[in-house]
C-alpha atoms as a PDB file:
ATOM      1  CA  PRO A   1     104.216 101.631 118.699  1.00  0.00           C
ATOM      2  CA  VAL A   2     103.812 103.144 115.236  1.00  0.00           C
ATOM      3  CA  PRO A   3     103.337 106.953 115.372  1.00  0.00           C
ATOM      4  CA  GLU A   4     100.065 108.465 114.119  1.00  0.00           C
ATOM      5  CA  SER A   5     101.861 110.794 111.728  1.00  0.00           C
ATOM      6  CA  ASP A   6     105.395 111.028 110.486  1.00  0.00           C
ATOM      7  CA  THR A   7     106.580 114.402 109.239  1.00  0.00           C
ATOM      8  CA  THR A   8     109.826 112.932 107.879  1.00  0.00           C
ATOM      9  CA  LEU A   9     107.913 110.613 105.541  1.00  0.00           C
ATOM     10  CA  GLN A  10     105.703 113.449 104.299  1.00  0.00           C
ATOM     11  CA  LEU A  11     108.519 114.212 101.857  1.00  0.00           C
ATOM     12  CA  LEU A  12     107.301 111.191  99.868  1.00  0.00           C
ATOM     13  CA  ASP A  13     103.703 112.363  99.593  1.00  0.00           C
ATOM     14  CA  LYS A  14     103.957 114.385  96.379  1.00  0.00           C
ATOM     15  CA  ASN A  15     105.090 111.277  94.467  1.00  0.00           C
ATOM     16  CA  LEU A  16     102.800 108.632  95.978  1.00  0.00           C
ATOM     17  CA  SER A  17     100.059 108.947  93.374  1.00  0.00           C
ATOM     18  CA  ASN A  18     102.547 108.122  90.597  1.00  0.00           C
ATOM     19  CA  HIS A  19     103.330 104.639  91.976  1.00  0.00           C
ATOM     20  CA  THR A  20     101.527 101.432  92.871  1.00  0.00           C
ATOM     21  CA  VAL A  21     104.470  99.425  94.245  1.00  0.00           C
ATOM     22  CA  PHE A  22     106.854 100.636  96.946  1.00  0.00           C
ATOM     23  CA  PHE A  23     110.125  98.978  97.881  1.00  0.00           C
ATOM     24  CA  SER A  24     112.119  99.576 101.014  1.00  0.00           C
ATOM     25  CA  GLY A  25     115.611  98.346 101.687  1.00  0.00           C
ATOM     26  CA  GLU A  26     116.879  96.830 104.865  1.00  0.00           C
ATOM     27  CA  GLN A  27     120.087  96.515 106.737  1.00  0.00           C
ATOM     28  CA  HIS A  28     120.124  93.212 108.618  1.00  0.00           C
ATOM     29  CA  THR A  29     122.641  94.418 111.191  1.00  0.00           C
ATOM     30  CA  HIS A  30     120.937  97.739 111.965  1.00  0.00           C
ATOM     31  CA  SER A  31     118.547  97.548 114.891  1.00  0.00           C
ATOM     32  CA  GLY A  32     116.365 100.427 113.631  1.00  0.00           C
ATOM     33  CA  THR A  33     115.437  98.813 110.309  1.00  0.00           C
ATOM     34  CA  MET A  34     112.197  97.242 111.541  1.00  0.00           C
ATOM     35  CA  GLU A  35     111.035 100.417 113.273  1.00  0.00           C
ATOM     36  CA  VAL A  36     111.577 102.433 110.088  1.00  0.00           C
ATOM     37  CA  LYS A  37     109.806  99.732 108.066  1.00  0.00           C
ATOM     38  CA  MET A  38     106.743  99.901 110.306  1.00  0.00           C
ATOM     39  CA  ARG A  39     106.703 103.714 110.153  1.00  0.00           C
ATOM     40  CA  LEU A  40     106.829 103.508 106.362  1.00  0.00           C
ATOM     41  CA  MET A  41     104.102 100.835 106.304  1.00  0.00           C
ATOM     42  CA  ARG A  42     101.741 102.990 108.354  1.00  0.00           C
ATOM     43  CA  HIS A  43     102.469 106.072 106.260  1.00  0.00           C
ATOM     44  CA  LEU A  44     101.842 104.217 102.997  1.00  0.00           C
ATOM     45  CA  TYR A  45      98.700 102.663 104.483  1.00  0.00           C
ATOM     46  CA  LEU A  46      97.319 106.118 105.277  1.00  0.00           C
ATOM     47  CA  LYS A  47      98.590 108.077 102.278  1.00  0.00           C
ATOM     48  CA  ALA A  48      98.744 105.563  99.398  1.00  0.00           C
ATOM     49  CA  ASN A  49      96.118 102.980 100.401  1.00  0.00           C
ATOM     50  CA  VAL A  50      98.747 100.200 100.601  1.00  0.00           C
ATOM     51  CA  ARG A  51      97.191  96.938 101.828  1.00  0.00           C
ATOM     52  CA  VAL A  52      99.823  94.328 100.924  1.00  0.00           C
ATOM     53  CA  MET A  53     103.219  93.907 102.544  1.00  0.00           C
ATOM     54  CA  VAL A  54     105.730  91.557 100.906  1.00  0.00           C
ATOM     55  CA  GLU A  55     108.016  89.939 103.443  1.00  0.00           C
ATOM     56  CA  GLU A  56     111.159  87.839 103.302  1.00  0.00           C
ATOM     57  CA  LEU A  57     109.260  84.962 104.907  1.00  0.00           C
ATOM     58  CA  PRO A  58     107.836  81.675 103.626  1.00  0.00           C
ATOM     59  CA  TYR A  59     104.584  82.000 101.685  1.00  0.00           C
ATOM     60  CA  ALA A  60     102.868  79.413 103.912  1.00  0.00           C
ATOM     61  CA  ALA A  61     103.821  81.228 107.121  1.00  0.00           C
ATOM     62  CA  CYS A  62     102.394  84.495 105.757  1.00  0.00           C
ATOM     63  CA  TRP A  63      99.233  82.689 104.604  1.00  0.00           C
ATOM     64  CA  LEU A  64      98.711  81.356 108.129  1.00  0.00           C
ATOM     65  CA  MET A  65      99.486  84.712 109.759  1.00  0.00           C
ATOM     66  CA  ASN A  66      96.918  86.388 107.468  1.00  0.00           C
ATOM     67  CA  ARG A  67      94.362  83.808 108.533  1.00  0.00           C
ATOM     68  CA  TYR A  68      95.139  84.391 112.215  1.00  0.00           C
ATOM     69  CA  MET A  69      94.923  88.173 111.726  1.00  0.00           C
ATOM     70  CA  GLU A  70      91.484  87.724 110.150  1.00  0.00           C
ATOM     71  CA  THR A  71      90.277  85.800 113.203  1.00  0.00           C
ATOM     72  CA  CYS A  72      92.245  87.912 115.736  1.00  0.00           C
ATOM     73  CA  ASN A  73      93.978  84.734 116.937  1.00  0.00           C
ATOM     74  CA  GLN A  74      97.007  86.303 118.610  1.00  0.00           C
ATOM     75  CA  ARG A  75      98.321  83.081 120.175  1.00  0.00           C
ATOM     76  CA  ASP A  76      98.682  81.220 116.864  1.00  0.00           C
ATOM     77  CA  PHE A  77      99.838  84.340 115.003  1.00  0.00           C
ATOM     78  CA  GLU A  78     102.538  84.878 117.613  1.00  0.00           C
ATOM     79  CA  ARG A  79     103.695  81.247 117.365  1.00  0.00           C
ATOM     80  CA  VAL A  80     104.130  81.418 113.570  1.00  0.00           C
ATOM     81  CA  ALA A  81     105.746  84.865 113.725  1.00  0.00           C
ATOM     82  CA  ARG A  82     108.202  83.789 116.420  1.00  0.00           C
ATOM     83  CA  ASN A  83     109.174  80.584 114.611  1.00  0.00           C
ATOM     84  CA  THR A  84     109.759  82.238 111.221  1.00  0.00           C
ATOM     85  CA  SER A  85     111.272  85.595 112.234  1.00  0.00           C
ATOM     86  CA  HIS A  86     115.008  85.961 111.739  1.00  0.00           C
ATOM     87  CA  THR A  87     115.452  88.448 114.601  1.00  0.00           C
ATOM     88  CA  ALA A  88     113.633  89.652 117.702  1.00  0.00           C
ATOM     89  CA  LYS A  89     113.044  93.001 115.976  1.00  0.00           C
ATOM     90  CA  GLU A  90     111.405  91.275 113.005  1.00  0.00           C
ATOM     91  CA  PHE A  91     109.146  89.387 115.409  1.00  0.00           C
ATOM     92  CA  GLN A  92     108.221  92.675 117.107  1.00  0.00           C
ATOM     93  CA  SER A  93     107.392  94.295 113.764  1.00  0.00           C
ATOM     94  CA  LEU A  94     105.061  91.404 112.912  1.00  0.00           C
ATOM     95  CA  MET A  95     103.372  91.784 116.295  1.00  0.00           C
ATOM     96  CA  THR A  96     103.025  95.528 115.630  1.00  0.00           C
ATOM     97  CA  LEU A  97     101.325  94.659 112.343  1.00  0.00           C
ATOM     98  CA  PHE A  98      98.983  92.236 114.147  1.00  0.00           C
ATOM     99  CA  HIS A  99      97.927  94.926 116.643  1.00  0.00           C
ATOM    100  CA  PHE A 100      97.666  97.588 113.912  1.00  0.00           C
ATOM    101  CA  ASN A 101      95.390  95.306 111.884  1.00  0.00           C
ATOM    102  CA  ASN A 102      93.187  94.642 114.902  1.00  0.00           C
ATOM    103  CA  THR A 103      92.252  98.337 114.883  1.00  0.00           C
ATOM    104  CA  LYS A 104      91.002  98.044 111.276  1.00  0.00           C
ATOM    105  CA  GLU A 105      87.918  96.562 109.670  1.00  0.00           C
ATOM    106  CA  PRO A 106      88.557  93.165 107.989  1.00  0.00           C
ATOM    107  CA  GLY A 107      88.597  94.606 104.455  1.00  0.00           C
ATOM    108  CA  GLU A 108      91.027  97.349 105.477  1.00  0.00           C
ATOM    109  CA  ARG A 109      93.722  95.159 107.023  1.00  0.00           C
ATOM    110  CA  ILE A 110      97.191  94.715 105.606  1.00  0.00           C
ATOM    111  CA  LYS A 111      97.902  91.284 104.119  1.00  0.00           C
ATOM    112  CA  LEU A 112     101.295  89.616 104.174  1.00  0.00           C
ATOM    113  CA  ARG A 113     102.815  87.927 101.136  1.00  0.00           C
ATOM    114  CA  GLY A 114     105.869  85.751 101.601  1.00  0.00           C
ATOM    115  CA  THR A 115     108.617  85.442  99.006  1.00  0.00           C
ATOM    116  CA  ASP A 116     111.209  83.330 100.800  1.00  0.00           C
ATOM    117  CA  THR A 117     111.844  79.611 100.454  1.00  0.00           C
ATOM    118  CA  GLU A 118     109.630  77.310 102.463  1.00  0.00           C
ATOM    119  CA  TYR A 119     112.183  76.745 105.224  1.00  0.00           C
ATOM    120  CA  ALA A 120     109.477  75.927 107.785  1.00  0.00           C
ATOM    121  CA  PRO A 121     107.915  72.717 106.364  1.00  0.00           C
ATOM    122  CA  TYR A 122     105.466  72.348 109.251  1.00  0.00           C
ATOM    123  CA  TYR A 123     103.640  75.498 108.101  1.00  0.00           C
ATOM    124  CA  THR A 124     103.766  74.461 104.446  1.00  0.00           C
ATOM    125  CA  LEU A 125     102.131  71.138 105.302  1.00  0.00           C
ATOM    126  CA  LYS A 126      99.576  72.861 107.548  1.00  0.00           C
ATOM    127  CA  VAL A 127      98.516  75.162 104.689  1.00  0.00           C
ATOM    128  CA  LEU A 128      98.297  72.273 102.230  1.00  0.00           C
ATOM    129  CA  ASP A 129      96.271  70.234 104.732  1.00  0.00           C
ATOM    130  CA  THR A 130      93.882  73.162 105.257  1.00  0.00           C
ATOM    131  CA  ILE A 131      93.441  73.680 101.508  1.00  0.00           C
ATOM    132  CA  VAL A 132      92.765  69.980 100.918  1.00  0.00           C
ATOM    133  CA  LYS A 133      90.241  69.798 103.775  1.00  0.00           C
ATOM    134  CA  GLN A 134      88.419  72.939 102.602  1.00  0.00           C
ATOM    135  CA  ARG A 135      88.560  71.829  98.975  1.00  0.00           C
ATOM    136  CA  VAL A 136      88.962  75.461  97.990  1.00  0.00           C
ATOM    137  CA  VAL A 137      92.175  76.854  96.564  1.00  0.00           C
ATOM    138  CA  PRO A 138      92.863  80.362  97.920  1.00  0.00           C
ATOM    139  CA  ARG A 139      92.333  83.117  95.319  1.00  0.00           C
ATOM    140  CA  GLU A 140      95.937  84.289  95.466  1.00  0.00           C
ATOM    141  CA  LEU A 141      97.102  80.786  94.537  1.00  0.00           C
ATOM    142  CA  THR A 142      94.663  80.372  91.635  1.00  0.00           C
ATOM    143  CA  GLU A 143      95.960  83.664  90.208  1.00  0.00           C
ATOM    144  CA  LEU A 144      99.427  82.084  90.065  1.00  0.00           C
ATOM    145  CA  LEU A 145      98.244  78.987  88.196  1.00  0.00           C
END
């Protein structure tokens, strides 16, 4: 679970208004990385109005997970998260995000953006199939064109 408040992270508060993008590092071999990341995400959500989280995951997988978070579809969200996570801790952090978002109104939920290669072609094809069937290109894709 992500704590309600984090006194350690309050040290950042005086500088939050000066920035619009926040980066956090990671240590792949350290088991506490994902817990710290989720603590930071919650703190920035509350104190800096952060609503986008960039992940080292395929764009298509994040697009699908956003869609499943919008509809509160935990089963499908969990399937995508499990199949694209690199570690069990990363999977748990995505599930924490899913449950965190379910406590928020739709417009106040955190969105995922993936920046990794499309190493899970099933999800890439599923997104493309959805876009073609809906005949509507998602806004975040039209901004890239």
